Amino acid sequence: MTWREAAALVRYKPGWTLEVHWEPGDTRDGHQQLFGAMVIHYPMRDSARVLAGDRKIKVEDGAHLRALPLLEKCDRPEVVLFEAIMAAERHEAAEHFEFDGHRPFYPHGSGDPRGGA
């Protein structure tokens, strides 16, 4: 089985897809890749507009990049795929979570986009 085949077996929320861009061991730019790469695509809304109360926010495509280890060294590929989905969910939760007017876990380097600490 390849990571592409394993990812194709995953069913999650509507609109969520796992797309393997390359497998570990693939040759890219003349070098053999030690890790593969997968992107999880999912529907999402702009968190700043959500928390501002905007109810007409267009659903956009969110994307979360994950490295994939050698499949031969992985006893349970479903655990790796599940953890990748959980990382994407955690990112979105951190982006949307607000406490006392601030977003303490905002995951982007710029901090809370509204200037909160």
C-alpha atoms as a PDB file:
ATOM      1  CA  MET A   1       0.000   0.000   0.000  1.00  0.00           C
ATOM      2  CA  THR A   2       1.132   3.584  -0.669  1.00  0.00           C
ATOM      3  CA  TRP A   3       0.220   6.741   1.242  1.00  0.00           C
ATOM      4  CA  ARG A   4      -1.952   7.774  -1.717  1.00  0.00           C
ATOM      5  CA  GLU A   5      -3.877   4.519  -1.416  1.00  0.00           C
ATOM      6  CA  ALA A   6      -4.130   4.857   2.382  1.00  0.00           C
ATOM      7  CA  ALA A   7      -5.354   8.475   2.122  1.00  0.00           C
ATOM      8  CA  ALA A   8      -7.986   7.397  -0.406  1.00  0.00           C
ATOM      9  CA  LEU A   9      -9.473   5.094   2.249  1.00  0.00           C
ATOM     10  CA  VAL A  10     -10.151   7.957   4.684  1.00  0.00           C
ATOM     11  CA  ARG A  11     -13.681   9.312   5.070  1.00  0.00           C
ATOM     12  CA  TYR A  12     -14.171  12.345   7.276  1.00  0.00           C
ATOM     13  CA  LYS A  13     -16.364  15.440   7.279  1.00  0.00           C
ATOM     14  CA  PRO A  14     -17.999  16.591   4.036  1.00  0.00           C
ATOM     15  CA  GLY A  15     -15.570  18.636   1.980  1.00  0.00           C
ATOM     16  CA  TRP A  16     -12.439  17.262   3.652  1.00  0.00           C
ATOM     17  CA  THR A  17      -9.899  15.577   1.366  1.00  0.00           C
ATOM     18  CA  LEU A  18      -6.404  14.226   1.874  1.00  0.00           C
ATOM     19  CA  GLU A  19      -4.100  14.751  -1.096  1.00  0.00           C
ATOM     20  CA  VAL A  20      -0.678  13.100  -1.111  1.00  0.00           C
ATOM     21  CA  HIS A  21       1.732  15.186  -3.179  1.00  0.00           C
ATOM     22  CA  TRP A  22       4.654  12.796  -2.992  1.00  0.00           C
ATOM     23  CA  GLU A  23       5.569   9.554  -1.290  1.00  0.00           C
ATOM     24  CA  PRO A  24       8.635   9.111   0.909  1.00  0.00           C
ATOM     25  CA  GLY A  25      11.402   7.818  -1.332  1.00  0.00           C
ATOM     26  CA  ASP A  26      10.151   9.662  -4.431  1.00  0.00           C
ATOM     27  CA  THR A  27      12.847  11.483  -6.330  1.00  0.00           C
ATOM     28  CA  ARG A  28      12.335  15.240  -6.604  1.00  0.00           C
ATOM     29  CA  ASP A  29      14.847  17.646  -8.105  1.00  0.00           C
ATOM     30  CA  GLY A  30      17.384  14.833  -8.269  1.00  0.00           C
ATOM     31  CA  HIS A  31      17.160  14.046  -4.543  1.00  0.00           C
ATOM     32  CA  GLN A  32      15.351  11.219  -2.834  1.00  0.00           C
ATOM     33  CA  GLN A  33      12.709  12.451  -0.394  1.00  0.00           C
ATOM     34  CA  LEU A  34      13.015  11.210   3.188  1.00  0.00           C
ATOM     35  CA  PHE A  35       9.425  12.202   3.942  1.00  0.00           C
ATOM     36  CA  GLY A  36       6.305  12.399   1.848  1.00  0.00           C
ATOM     37  CA  ALA A  37       3.950  15.349   1.853  1.00  0.00           C
ATOM     38  CA  MET A  38       0.198  15.436   2.205  1.00  0.00           C
ATOM     39  CA  VAL A  39      -2.171  18.396   2.165  1.00  0.00           C
ATOM     40  CA  ILE A  40      -5.524  18.233   3.906  1.00  0.00           C
ATOM     41  CA  HIS A  41      -8.102  20.441   2.202  1.00  0.00           C
ATOM     42  CA  TYR A  42     -11.200  21.456   4.130  1.00  0.00           C
ATOM     43  CA  PRO A  43     -13.944  24.068   4.047  1.00  0.00           C
ATOM     44  CA  MET A  44     -13.350  26.975   6.404  1.00  0.00           C
ATOM     45  CA  ARG A  45     -14.413  30.550   7.089  1.00  0.00           C
ATOM     46  CA  ASP A  46     -12.225  33.534   7.924  1.00  0.00           C
ATOM     47  CA  SER A  47     -11.931  33.465  11.724  1.00  0.00           C
ATOM     48  CA  ALA A  48     -11.617  37.244  12.135  1.00  0.00           C
ATOM     49  CA  ARG A  49     -14.911  37.760  10.312  1.00  0.00           C
ATOM     50  CA  VAL A  50     -16.603  34.885  12.179  1.00  0.00           C
ATOM     51  CA  LEU A  51     -15.719  36.330  15.580  1.00  0.00           C
ATOM     52  CA  ALA A  52     -16.759  39.797  14.392  1.00  0.00           C
ATOM     53  CA  GLY A  53     -20.243  38.383  13.801  1.00  0.00           C
ATOM     54  CA  ASP A  54     -20.205  38.468   9.984  1.00  0.00           C
ATOM     55  CA  ARG A  55     -22.807  35.909   8.924  1.00  0.00           C
ATOM     56  CA  LYS A  56     -22.263  36.245   5.161  1.00  0.00           C
ATOM     57  CA  ILE A  57     -18.750  34.835   5.068  1.00  0.00           C
ATOM     58  CA  LYS A  58     -17.841  32.831   2.011  1.00  0.00           C
ATOM     59  CA  VAL A  59     -16.570  29.320   2.683  1.00  0.00           C
ATOM     60  CA  GLU A  60     -12.977  29.033   1.496  1.00  0.00           C
ATOM     61  CA  ASP A  61     -10.576  26.147   1.019  1.00  0.00           C
ATOM     62  CA  GLY A  62      -8.354  25.672   4.019  1.00  0.00           C
ATOM     63  CA  ALA A  63      -5.170  23.679   3.585  1.00  0.00           C
ATOM     64  CA  HIS A  64      -2.939  21.998   6.133  1.00  0.00           C
ATOM     65  CA  LEU A  65       0.436  20.501   5.110  1.00  0.00           C
ATOM     66  CA  ARG A  66       1.757  17.368   6.808  1.00  0.00           C
ATOM     67  CA  ALA A  67       4.924  15.318   6.405  1.00  0.00           C
ATOM     68  CA  LEU A  68       4.495  11.561   5.945  1.00  0.00           C
ATOM     69  CA  PRO A  69       7.075   9.050   7.212  1.00  0.00           C
ATOM     70  CA  LEU A  70       8.120   5.918   5.385  1.00  0.00           C
ATOM     71  CA  LEU A  71       5.032   3.741   5.276  1.00  0.00           C
ATOM     72  CA  GLU A  72       7.117   0.609   5.864  1.00  0.00           C
ATOM     73  CA  LYS A  73       8.042   1.984   9.305  1.00  0.00           C
ATOM     74  CA  CYS A  74       4.441   2.726  10.188  1.00  0.00           C
ATOM     75  CA  ASP A  75       2.464  -0.033  11.952  1.00  0.00           C
ATOM     76  CA  ARG A  76      -0.856   1.796  11.682  1.00  0.00           C
ATOM     77  CA  PRO A  77      -1.136   4.339   8.862  1.00  0.00           C
ATOM     78  CA  GLU A  78      -4.624   5.255  10.034  1.00  0.00           C
ATOM     79  CA  VAL A  79      -3.086   6.742  13.203  1.00  0.00           C
ATOM     80  CA  VAL A  80      -0.816   9.011  11.140  1.00  0.00           C
ATOM     81  CA  LEU A  81      -3.745  10.095   8.958  1.00  0.00           C
ATOM     82  CA  PHE A  82      -6.014  10.656  11.970  1.00  0.00           C
ATOM     83  CA  GLU A  83      -3.355  12.740  13.728  1.00  0.00           C
ATOM     84  CA  ALA A  84      -2.956  14.841  10.568  1.00  0.00           C
ATOM     85  CA  ILE A  85      -6.682  15.577  10.588  1.00  0.00           C
ATOM     86  CA  MET A  86      -6.580  16.360  14.313  1.00  0.00           C
ATOM     87  CA  ALA A  87      -3.716  18.833  13.726  1.00  0.00           C
ATOM     88  CA  ALA A  88      -5.839  20.639  11.118  1.00  0.00           C
ATOM     89  CA  GLU A  89      -8.828  20.666  13.497  1.00  0.00           C
ATOM     90  CA  ARG A  90      -6.642  21.945  16.345  1.00  0.00           C
ATOM     91  CA  HIS A  91      -5.309  24.733  14.123  1.00  0.00           C
ATOM     92  CA  GLU A  92      -8.838  25.856  13.253  1.00  0.00           C
ATOM     93  CA  ALA A  93      -9.946  25.620  16.898  1.00  0.00           C
ATOM     94  CA  ALA A  94      -6.977  27.766  17.969  1.00  0.00           C
ATOM     95  CA  GLU A  95      -7.798  30.289  15.274  1.00  0.00           C
ATOM     96  CA  HIS A  96     -11.470  30.597  16.253  1.00  0.00           C
ATOM     97  CA  PHE A  97     -11.177  30.333  20.068  1.00  0.00           C
ATOM     98  CA  GLU A  98     -11.724  33.604  21.890  1.00  0.00           C
ATOM     99  CA  PHE A  99     -11.488  34.260  25.624  1.00  0.00           C
ATOM    100  CA  ASP A 100     -12.338  37.600  27.205  1.00  0.00           C
ATOM    101  CA  GLY A 101     -12.021  39.410  23.880  1.00  0.00           C
ATOM    102  CA  HIS A 102      -8.653  37.899  22.977  1.00  0.00           C
ATOM    103  CA  ARG A 103      -7.477  34.918  20.968  1.00  0.00           C
ATOM    104  CA  PRO A 104      -4.695  33.493  23.157  1.00  0.00           C
ATOM    105  CA  PHE A 105      -4.021  30.488  20.923  1.00  0.00           C
ATOM    106  CA  TYR A 106      -4.154  32.215  17.515  1.00  0.00           C
ATOM    107  CA  PRO A 107      -1.825  29.976  15.449  1.00  0.00           C
ATOM    108  CA  HIS A 108      -0.438  32.481  12.941  1.00  0.00           C
ATOM    109  CA  GLY A 109       2.831  34.255  13.668  1.00  0.00           C
ATOM    110  CA  SER A 110       1.238  37.695  13.510  1.00  0.00           C
ATOM    111  CA  GLY A 111      -0.833  37.014  16.627  1.00  0.00           C
ATOM    112  CA  ASP A 112      -4.463  38.014  17.069  1.00  0.00           C
ATOM    113  CA  PRO A 113      -5.390  39.904  13.891  1.00  0.00           C
ATOM    114  CA  ARG A 114      -7.447  42.367  15.918  1.00  0.00           C
ATOM    115  CA  GLY A 115      -4.444  43.454  17.976  1.00  0.00           C
ATOM    116  CA  GLY A 116      -5.309  41.492  21.114  1.00  0.00           C
ATOM    117  CA  ALA A 117      -2.533  39.944  23.175  1.00  0.00           C
END
